[in-house]
């Protein structure tokens, strides 16, 4: 069964750090992986992508604070988040899009509050 499973969300104070991980069922080494987030009342938006060659791109809201990485040997894509702000509070989703389908993880809650 093809699946993506996120972990690593939680509660953190402003300025803190968290690392999200997404373990996939494998077979996506040729696909771009991405992290999206969705805050309460907002639409789901892409914040970071990493291509199969390792090229990373970021939304301007997180550039310089977040780092996306992938380890295809471990079927994992990660998102390291630093200098977190209250506006980063959201549910974070791992995503992969192939020519045949688009897959999502179940989501990981990240809450940034003092």
Protein backbone atom coordinates (compact mmCIF):
# COMPACT_ATOMS: atom_id res chain seq x y z
CA UNK A 1 0.00 0.00 0.00
CA UNK A 2 1.38 3.38 -1.00
CA UNK A 3 1.51 5.75 1.91
CA UNK A 4 3.21 8.72 3.49
CA UNK A 5 3.47 8.97 7.28
CA UNK A 6 4.55 12.17 9.01
CA UNK A 7 5.99 12.53 12.48
CA UNK A 8 7.69 15.18 14.59
CA UNK A 9 5.02 17.80 15.10
CA UNK A 10 4.36 19.38 18.45
CA UNK A 11 4.25 22.47 20.60
CA UNK A 12 7.17 24.89 20.60
CA UNK A 13 7.88 28.42 21.80
CA UNK A 14 8.62 31.24 19.36
CA UNK A 15 12.22 31.05 18.24
CA UNK A 16 12.33 27.32 18.77
CA UNK A 17 12.95 24.47 16.37
CA UNK A 18 11.22 21.32 15.22
CA UNK A 19 11.99 18.66 12.66
CA UNK A 20 9.28 16.92 10.69
CA UNK A 21 9.89 13.60 9.00
CA UNK A 22 7.87 11.79 6.37
CA UNK A 23 8.46 8.13 5.69
CA UNK A 24 7.10 6.87 2.41
CA UNK A 25 6.40 3.41 1.14
CA UNK A 26 9.14 3.96 -1.41
CA UNK A 27 9.41 4.24 -5.15
CA UNK A 28 9.55 8.05 -5.33
CA UNK A 29 13.25 8.60 -5.96
CA UNK A 30 12.45 10.15 -9.35
CA UNK A 31 9.73 12.46 -8.02
CA UNK A 32 9.71 15.86 -6.42
CA UNK A 33 8.72 15.73 -2.77
CA UNK A 34 7.08 18.64 -0.99
CA UNK A 35 5.84 19.97 2.31
CA UNK A 36 2.59 21.91 2.50
CA UNK A 37 0.88 23.54 5.44
CA UNK A 38 -2.61 24.61 6.26
CA UNK A 39 -3.44 27.02 9.04
CA UNK A 40 -6.92 27.32 10.52
CA UNK A 41 -9.21 28.97 8.02
CA UNK A 42 -6.53 29.02 5.33
CA UNK A 43 -6.00 26.99 2.22
CA UNK A 44 -3.23 24.42 1.96
CA UNK A 45 -0.10 25.96 0.46
CA UNK A 46 3.28 24.60 -0.57
CA UNK A 47 6.19 25.82 1.52
CA UNK A 48 9.12 23.68 0.38
CA UNK A 49 9.98 21.30 -2.44
CA UNK A 50 12.96 19.09 -3.20
CA UNK A 51 13.54 17.59 -6.62
CA UNK A 52 14.90 14.13 -7.34
CA UNK A 53 18.30 15.78 -7.87
CA UNK A 54 18.14 17.44 -4.46
CA UNK A 55 17.34 20.94 -5.65
CA UNK A 56 15.34 22.70 -2.95
CA UNK A 57 12.98 25.63 -3.24
CA UNK A 58 11.04 27.52 -0.59
CA UNK A 59 8.15 29.85 -0.11
CA UNK A 60 9.37 33.29 0.86
CA UNK A 61 7.66 32.99 4.25
CA UNK A 62 10.01 30.17 5.30
CA UNK A 63 13.14 30.71 3.21
CA UNK A 64 16.19 30.97 5.41
CA UNK A 65 14.45 29.34 8.38
CA UNK A 66 13.30 25.97 7.02
CA UNK A 67 15.36 23.28 5.30
CA UNK A 68 13.91 20.43 3.27
CA UNK A 69 15.95 17.31 2.62
CA UNK A 70 15.45 13.81 1.32
CA UNK A 71 17.10 10.45 1.86
CA UNK A 72 15.88 8.08 -0.83
CA UNK A 73 17.77 5.17 0.68
CA UNK A 74 15.55 5.54 3.74
CA UNK A 75 12.44 6.64 1.81
CA UNK A 76 12.32 9.78 3.92
CA UNK A 77 11.82 13.49 3.35
CA UNK A 78 12.36 15.88 6.24
CA UNK A 79 11.66 19.48 7.10
CA UNK A 80 13.87 21.16 9.65
CA UNK A 81 12.23 24.30 11.00
CA UNK A 82 14.16 26.94 12.90
CA UNK A 83 13.27 30.32 14.38
CA UNK A 84 9.63 29.32 14.46
CA UNK A 85 7.00 32.03 14.67
CA UNK A 86 3.38 31.95 15.83
CA UNK A 87 2.29 32.36 12.22
CA UNK A 88 3.97 29.03 11.42
CA UNK A 89 1.24 27.31 13.41
CA UNK A 90 -0.48 24.91 11.03
CA UNK A 91 -0.97 21.32 10.05
CA UNK A 92 1.97 20.24 7.90
CA UNK A 93 1.55 17.72 5.10
CA UNK A 94 4.05 15.67 3.17
CA UNK A 95 3.28 15.39 -0.54
CA UNK A 96 4.46 13.61 -3.64
CA UNK A 97 3.05 13.93 -7.13
CA UNK A 98 3.66 11.32 -9.80
CA UNK A 99 2.34 11.15 -13.37
CA UNK A 100 -0.35 8.80 -12.10
CA UNK A 101 -1.37 10.19 -8.75
CA UNK A 102 -0.86 12.67 -5.94
CA UNK A 103 -0.28 11.41 -2.42
CA UNK A 104 -0.62 13.10 0.94
CA UNK A 105 0.36 12.23 4.45
CA UNK A 106 -2.09 12.44 7.31
CA UNK A 107 -0.70 15.73 8.58
CA UNK A 108 1.33 16.80 11.61
CA UNK A 109 0.23 19.63 13.88
CA UNK A 110 2.81 22.30 14.65
CA UNK A 111 1.84 24.89 17.25
CA UNK A 112 4.08 27.85 18.02
CA UNK A 113 3.04 29.71 21.13
CA UNK A 114 4.49 31.23 24.26
